Amino acid sequence: MVTLKSKLQKIVEEIRGYKGFTRKSHIWDLAKIFNVECKFDDAGWFSVGDQKIVASTDGITEGLTKADPWLAGSLSVLVNVNDVVVKGAMPVGYMANVASSSSITRRKITQGMKYGVNKYQLKTMKFHTNPDSSYSSVDASVIGVAKRVIPSSKATPGDKLVVSVDLDGSFGKKSWVRFFDSTTGKSKKDLRKRIEALIKISNMKLAHASRDVSAPGIVGSIAMLCESSAVGAKIKISDIPKPEEISVSTWLTSYPACSFIVSTDKPDACINIFKEHGFEASDVGKVTKNKKIILFSSDESEVFIDLAKESVFGVKKRK
């Protein structure tokens, strides 16, 4: 007998099979080598006087770099800026390594990097190139400065989950990456305005935890936040901000260029700040003690992942 899958079951399967989500499962195998506590946060930080120095590093997937070197260079700035900003820090410095045997590819990557650095008003602190590489890649880091830091590991059962997205953009696909670009073409002033939303939320102590939305998509990124905090969540997918012209399944397996999640007991205050700074934002669900991430749609519900039994980051669970 053939059992027909519901629309929600198909959405869950698509997100769980999406490369942006599955590739996160390789993190723990390497992180454990350091033999230190790992919170799986977006960025790391330490104190210097009464300031926090926040740092992030990331690489752009090879397929995207081959498909569009300029975009890869630009995104090497964006992805690291978002990681620093979501912690409540103002990004200030950028460092990168460009690898390719093609001088044309190296130049295109670097031109994209320059565009991003200028738009986000960063100081280029260190640049390295590897012209003998057998592949093309760009790996970069951004540092920022914060008064307070919002960790990814402090989401509290009972909190509301607020998702914010800049929906003023356009959708495209490079290699396997589905990308909603809401930053290219925006002014420095507009981008700084988006950044200041997270800094304001952090400084006003409105959020317990935060995470930017990255390659795993909105639901996958919520799952990462929850695993970091050892909690679960109930999510109503119809409440997630979304462009009207994009289907739910496509949107939830896409990388929005400017999107953030906060776990908070003051959702209205957070939503108001996000909207004042150019985002669409809404309360999409709540944090639970139960470690299951459960999606709701109409009168359906489906477990996306049970973090008591599975791990987004590849941590081996005890039987």
Protein backbone atom coordinates (compact mmCIF):
# COMPACT_ATOMS: atom_id res chain seq x y z
CA MET A 1 0.00 0.00 0.00
CA VAL A 2 1.37 3.40 -1.00
CA THR A 3 1.10 6.12 1.63
CA LEU A 4 0.86 9.63 0.19
CA LYS A 5 3.10 12.13 1.91
CA SER A 6 1.59 15.36 3.12
CA LYS A 7 2.88 18.75 1.93
CA LEU A 8 4.52 19.32 5.31
CA GLN A 9 6.25 15.93 5.24
CA LYS A 10 7.67 16.79 1.82
CA ILE A 11 8.92 20.14 3.12
CA VAL A 12 10.65 18.44 6.05
CA GLU A 13 12.29 15.92 3.72
CA GLU A 14 13.46 18.65 1.36
CA ILE A 15 15.05 20.73 4.14
CA ARG A 16 16.68 17.70 5.74
CA GLY A 17 18.11 16.60 2.40
CA TYR A 18 19.30 20.06 1.37
CA LYS A 19 23.08 20.31 1.09
CA GLY A 20 23.14 23.56 3.04
CA PHE A 21 21.76 21.62 6.01
CA THR A 22 23.48 18.24 5.66
CA ARG A 23 26.99 19.67 5.32
CA LYS A 24 26.81 21.03 8.89
CA SER A 25 27.05 17.43 10.16
CA HIS A 26 30.80 17.40 9.50
CA ILE A 27 31.59 20.13 12.05
CA TRP A 28 31.89 18.04 15.22
CA ASP A 29 34.35 15.55 13.74
CA LEU A 30 36.89 18.37 13.53
CA ALA A 31 35.77 20.55 16.44
CA LYS A 32 36.34 17.73 18.94
CA ILE A 33 40.04 17.61 18.04
CA PHE A 34 40.52 20.84 20.00
CA ASN A 35 39.21 19.11 23.13
CA VAL A 36 37.48 22.23 24.41
CA GLU A 37 33.83 22.98 25.14
CA CYS A 38 32.03 23.75 21.89
CA LYS A 39 28.86 25.83 21.88
CA PHE A 40 28.52 25.85 18.08
CA ASP A 41 28.09 29.62 18.04
CA ASP A 42 28.20 31.92 15.02
CA ALA A 43 31.33 33.65 16.28
CA GLY A 44 33.82 33.69 19.13
CA TRP A 45 34.68 36.57 21.46
CA PHE A 46 36.89 37.73 24.30
CA SER A 47 37.03 40.82 26.51
CA VAL A 48 39.44 43.73 26.24
CA GLY A 49 38.60 46.15 29.02
CA ASP A 50 34.86 46.80 28.86
CA GLN A 51 34.63 45.82 25.17
CA LYS A 52 34.10 42.45 23.50
CA ILE A 53 36.19 41.56 20.47
CA VAL A 54 34.04 39.29 18.28
CA ALA A 55 35.51 37.24 15.42
CA SER A 56 34.18 34.91 12.75
CA THR A 57 35.70 32.98 9.86
CA ASP A 58 34.04 31.25 6.94
CA GLY A 59 34.67 29.92 3.46
CA ILE A 60 32.60 30.06 0.29
CA THR A 61 31.67 26.74 -1.28
CA GLU A 62 33.72 25.74 -4.31
CA GLY A 63 30.71 25.34 -6.60
CA LEU A 64 29.57 28.91 -6.02
CA THR A 65 33.12 30.23 -6.40
CA LYS A 66 33.39 28.55 -9.80
CA ALA A 67 29.93 29.73 -10.89
CA ASP A 68 30.39 33.37 -9.87
CA PRO A 69 33.81 34.41 -8.48
CA TRP A 70 32.72 38.02 -7.97
CA LEU A 71 29.72 36.96 -5.89
CA ALA A 72 31.93 34.56 -3.91
CA GLY A 73 34.21 37.44 -2.99
CA SER A 74 31.30 39.65 -2.00
CA LEU A 75 29.67 36.87 0.03
CA SER A 76 32.94 36.20 1.88
CA VAL A 77 32.36 39.61 3.48
CA LEU A 78 28.61 39.24 3.96
CA VAL A 79 28.58 35.84 5.68
CA ASN A 80 31.20 36.86 8.22
CA VAL A 81 29.63 40.26 8.82
CA ASN A 82 26.32 38.54 9.63
CA ASP A 83 28.03 36.15 12.07
CA VAL A 84 29.58 39.06 13.96
CA VAL A 85 26.53 41.33 13.79
CA VAL A 86 24.11 38.72 15.17
CA LYS A 87 26.26 38.60 18.33
CA GLY A 88 25.64 42.33 18.78
CA ALA A 89 28.95 43.59 17.39
CA MET A 90 29.79 46.34 14.92
CA PRO A 91 32.03 44.76 12.23
CA VAL A 92 35.27 46.71 11.73
CA GLY A 93 37.96 44.55 10.08
CA TYR A 94 38.32 41.98 7.29
CA MET A 95 40.97 39.39 6.35
CA ALA A 96 40.97 36.89 3.50
CA ASN A 97 42.78 34.21 1.55
CA VAL A 98 42.10 33.76 -2.18
CA ALA A 99 43.17 30.53 -3.87
CA SER A 100 43.06 29.87 -7.62
CA SER A 101 45.45 29.06 -10.43
CA SER A 102 43.48 31.45 -12.66
CA SER A 103 44.51 35.10 -12.50
CA ILE A 104 41.11 36.09 -13.92
CA THR A 105 39.28 34.19 -11.16
CA ARG A 106 41.54 35.66 -8.47
CA ARG A 107 40.85 39.18 -9.73
CA LYS A 108 37.08 38.64 -9.90
CA ILE A 109 37.02 37.25 -6.35
CA THR A 110 39.05 40.20 -5.10
CA GLN A 111 36.85 42.72 -6.88
CA GLY A 112 33.82 41.19 -5.15
CA MET A 113 35.64 41.35 -1.82
CA LYS A 114 36.44 45.03 -2.39
CA TYR A 115 32.78 45.74 -3.11
CA GLY A 116 31.69 44.07 0.13
CA VAL A 117 34.40 45.69 2.24
CA ASN A 118 33.47 49.13 0.94
CA LYS A 119 29.73 48.59 1.43
CA TYR A 120 30.18 47.43 5.03
CA GLN A 121 32.84 50.08 5.73
CA LEU A 122 35.48 47.61 6.93
CA LYS A 123 39.23 47.98 7.18
CA THR A 124 41.11 45.36 5.15
CA MET A 125 43.64 44.06 7.66
CA LYS A 126 45.31 41.11 5.91
CA PHE A 127 45.15 39.58 2.44
CA HIS A 128 46.82 36.41 1.19
CA THR A 129 46.73 34.58 -2.12
CA ASN A 130 47.60 31.06 -3.23
CA PRO A 131 48.16 31.06 -7.03
CA ASP A 132 49.20 27.39 -7.13
CA SER A 133 45.92 25.91 -5.91
CA SER A 134 44.22 23.11 -7.85
CA TYR A 135 40.82 24.62 -7.02
CA SER A 136 39.28 28.08 -6.56
CA SER A 137 38.19 29.28 -3.13
CA VAL A 138 37.93 32.26 -0.85
CA ASP A 139 38.18 32.02 2.95
CA ALA A 140 37.75 35.10 5.08
CA SER A 141 37.38 36.48 8.59
CA VAL A 142 35.71 39.53 10.12
CA ILE A 143 36.26 41.05 13.53
CA GLY A 144 33.87 43.34 15.37
CA VAL A 145 33.51 45.23 18.61
CA ALA A 146 30.58 44.93 21.03
CA LYS A 147 29.47 46.24 24.41
CA ARG A 148 27.44 43.07 24.99
CA VAL A 149 27.30 39.71 23.22
CA ILE A 150 24.21 37.62 22.55
CA PRO A 151 25.24 33.94 22.63
CA SER A 152 23.61 31.18 20.63
CA SER A 153 23.53 28.94 23.69
CA LYS A 154 21.12 30.71 26.05
CA ALA A 155 17.68 30.18 24.48
CA THR A 156 15.27 29.52 27.32
CA PRO A 157 12.13 27.32 27.30
CA GLY A 158 9.14 29.64 27.03
CA ASP A 159 11.02 32.17 24.89
CA LYS A 160 9.49 33.31 21.63
CA LEU A 161 11.45 32.86 18.42
CA VAL A 162 11.49 36.00 16.29
CA VAL A 163 12.67 35.72 12.69
CA SER A 164 13.64 38.87 10.79
CA VAL A 165 14.33 39.05 7.05
CA ASP A 166 15.15 41.89 4.69
CA LEU A 167 12.70 41.06 1.90
CA ASP A 168 13.80 43.91 -0.37
CA GLY A 169 15.80 41.76 -2.77
CA SER A 170 15.82 39.18 -5.54
CA PHE A 171 16.15 35.41 -5.73
CA GLY A 172 18.75 33.43 -7.66
CA LYS A 173 20.76 30.22 -7.67
CA LYS A 174 24.50 29.63 -8.06
CA SER A 175 25.64 26.02 -8.10
CA TRP A 176 23.53 24.35 -5.37
CA VAL A 177 23.18 27.57 -3.34
CA ARG A 178 19.77 29.25 -3.42
CA PHE A 179 20.43 32.86 -2.53
CA PHE A 180 18.05 35.74 -1.81
CA ASP A 181 20.15 38.85 -2.41
CA SER A 182 18.95 41.84 -0.40
CA THR A 183 22.33 43.59 -0.03
CA THR A 184 23.77 44.14 -3.52
CA GLY A 185 22.73 47.59 -4.68
CA LYS A 186 21.88 48.86 -1.21
CA SER A 187 23.64 51.94 0.12
CA LYS A 188 26.17 51.92 2.94
CA LYS A 189 23.59 53.78 5.01
CA ASP A 190 20.93 51.11 4.45
CA LEU A 191 23.30 48.27 5.36
CA ARG A 192 24.47 50.07 8.49
CA LYS A 193 20.82 50.58 9.46
CA ARG A 194 20.22 46.79 9.28
CA ILE A 195 23.31 46.12 11.38
CA GLU A 196 22.25 48.57 14.07
CA ALA A 197 19.05 46.59 14.76
CA LEU A 198 21.01 43.69 16.28
CA ILE A 199 23.33 45.99 18.20
CA LYS A 200 20.33 47.79 19.69
CA ILE A 201 18.65 44.51 20.68
CA SER A 202 21.89 43.34 22.29
CA ASN A 203 22.60 46.56 24.17
CA MET A 204 19.01 46.74 25.44
CA LYS A 205 19.27 43.13 26.69
CA LEU A 206 16.17 42.08 24.77
CA ALA A 207 17.36 38.66 23.56
CA HIS A 208 18.61 35.58 25.39
CA ALA A 209 20.08 33.97 22.26
CA SER A 210 20.57 34.75 18.58
CA ARG A 211 21.73 33.24 15.31
CA ASP A 212 21.96 34.47 11.76
CA VAL A 213 20.21 32.54 9.01
CA SER A 214 22.87 30.89 6.86
CA ALA A 215 23.15 28.11 4.28
CA PRO A 216 20.85 25.62 6.13
CA GLY A 217 17.96 28.07 5.70
CA ILE A 218 15.60 29.48 8.32
CA VAL A 219 14.39 26.19 9.85
CA GLY A 220 17.86 24.65 9.72
CA SER A 221 19.33 27.71 11.41
CA ILE A 222 16.68 27.57 14.15
CA ALA A 223 17.68 23.94 14.68
CA MET A 224 21.33 25.02 15.07
CA LEU A 225 20.35 27.64 17.65
CA CYS A 226 18.31 25.06 19.54
CA GLU A 227 21.09 22.47 19.56
CA SER A 228 23.51 25.10 20.81
CA SER A 229 21.08 25.85 23.66
CA ALA A 230 20.05 22.20 24.31
CA VAL A 231 16.37 23.03 23.72
CA GLY A 232 13.65 22.35 21.17
CA ALA A 233 11.11 24.52 19.38
CA LYS A 234 7.61 24.64 17.93
CA ILE A 235 7.54 26.60 14.68
CA LYS A 236 4.56 27.76 12.66
CA ILE A 237 5.96 27.96 9.14
CA SER A 238 3.15 30.16 7.83
CA ASP A 239 4.36 32.91 10.19
CA ILE A 240 7.88 32.96 8.76
CA PRO A 241 8.44 36.14 6.69
CA LYS A 242 8.63 35.17 3.01
CA PRO A 243 8.61 36.79 -0.45
CA GLU A 244 5.20 36.19 -2.01
CA GLU A 245 6.59 34.86 -5.28
CA ILE A 246 8.72 32.08 -3.73
CA SER A 247 7.26 28.75 -2.60
CA VAL A 248 7.56 27.69 1.04
CA SER A 249 9.81 24.71 0.28
CA THR A 250 12.14 26.79 -1.88
CA TRP A 251 12.28 29.60 0.68
CA LEU A 252 13.09 27.25 3.54
CA THR A 253 16.01 25.82 1.57
CA SER A 254 17.39 29.24 0.66
CA TYR A 255 20.01 31.55 2.12
CA PRO A 256 18.53 35.02 2.76
CA ALA A 257 21.38 37.55 2.64
CA CYS A 258 20.14 39.46 5.67
CA SER A 259 18.11 37.40 8.14
CA PHE A 260 18.40 36.88 11.88
CA ILE A 261 16.75 34.82 14.63
CA VAL A 262 16.41 35.86 18.26
CA SER A 263 15.13 33.89 21.24
CA THR A 264 13.44 36.36 23.54
CA ASP A 265 10.87 36.94 26.25
CA LYS A 266 10.26 40.40 24.74
CA PRO A 267 9.16 39.54 21.19
CA ASP A 268 7.16 42.71 20.53
CA ALA A 269 10.12 44.96 21.38
CA CYS A 270 12.42 42.94 19.12
CA ILE A 271 9.91 42.91 16.25
CA ASN A 272 9.46 46.68 16.50
CA ILE A 273 13.21 47.29 16.36
CA PHE A 274 13.65 45.00 13.37
CA LYS A 275 10.82 46.72 11.49
CA GLU A 276 12.23 50.16 12.32
CA HIS A 277 15.48 49.04 10.69
CA GLY A 278 14.08 47.76 7.40
CA PHE A 279 13.21 44.14 8.18
CA GLU A 280 10.04 42.12 8.04
CA ALA A 281 9.82 40.30 11.37
CA SER A 282 7.41 38.04 13.21
CA ASP A 283 7.01 35.67 16.13
CA VAL A 284 7.22 32.23 14.49
CA GLY A 285 7.04 29.98 17.53
CA LYS A 286 8.43 29.17 20.93
CA VAL A 287 11.35 27.46 22.60
CA THR A 288 10.56 24.20 24.40
CA LYS A 289 12.30 22.06 26.98
CA ASN A 290 11.60 19.06 24.78
CA LYS A 291 14.47 18.86 22.27
CA LYS A 292 12.25 18.23 19.28
CA ILE A 293 12.00 20.81 16.50
CA ILE A 294 8.36 20.53 15.43
CA LEU A 295 6.92 22.29 12.39
CA PHE A 296 3.26 23.27 12.19
CA SER A 297 1.24 24.05 9.06
CA SER A 298 -2.55 24.42 9.09
CA ASP A 299 -3.75 21.41 11.09
CA GLU A 300 -0.58 19.37 10.45
CA SER A 301 2.54 18.93 12.55
CA GLU A 302 5.78 17.13 11.76
CA VAL A 303 8.99 16.56 13.71
CA PHE A 304 11.85 18.13 11.77
CA ILE A 305 14.58 16.77 14.04
CA ASP A 306 14.75 15.30 17.56
CA LEU A 307 17.94 16.77 19.02
CA ALA A 308 17.88 14.22 21.84
CA LYS A 309 18.61 11.55 19.20
CA GLU A 310 20.23 13.45 16.33
CA SER A 311 22.64 16.33 15.86
CA VAL A 312 22.79 19.04 13.21
CA PHE A 313 26.53 19.33 13.88
CA GLY A 314 27.30 15.61 13.79
CA VAL A 315 27.70 15.02 17.53
CA LYS A 316 27.32 11.31 18.23
CA LYS A 317 24.36 10.71 20.54
CA ARG A 318 24.42 8.02 23.19
CA LYS A 319 21.93 5.22 22.61
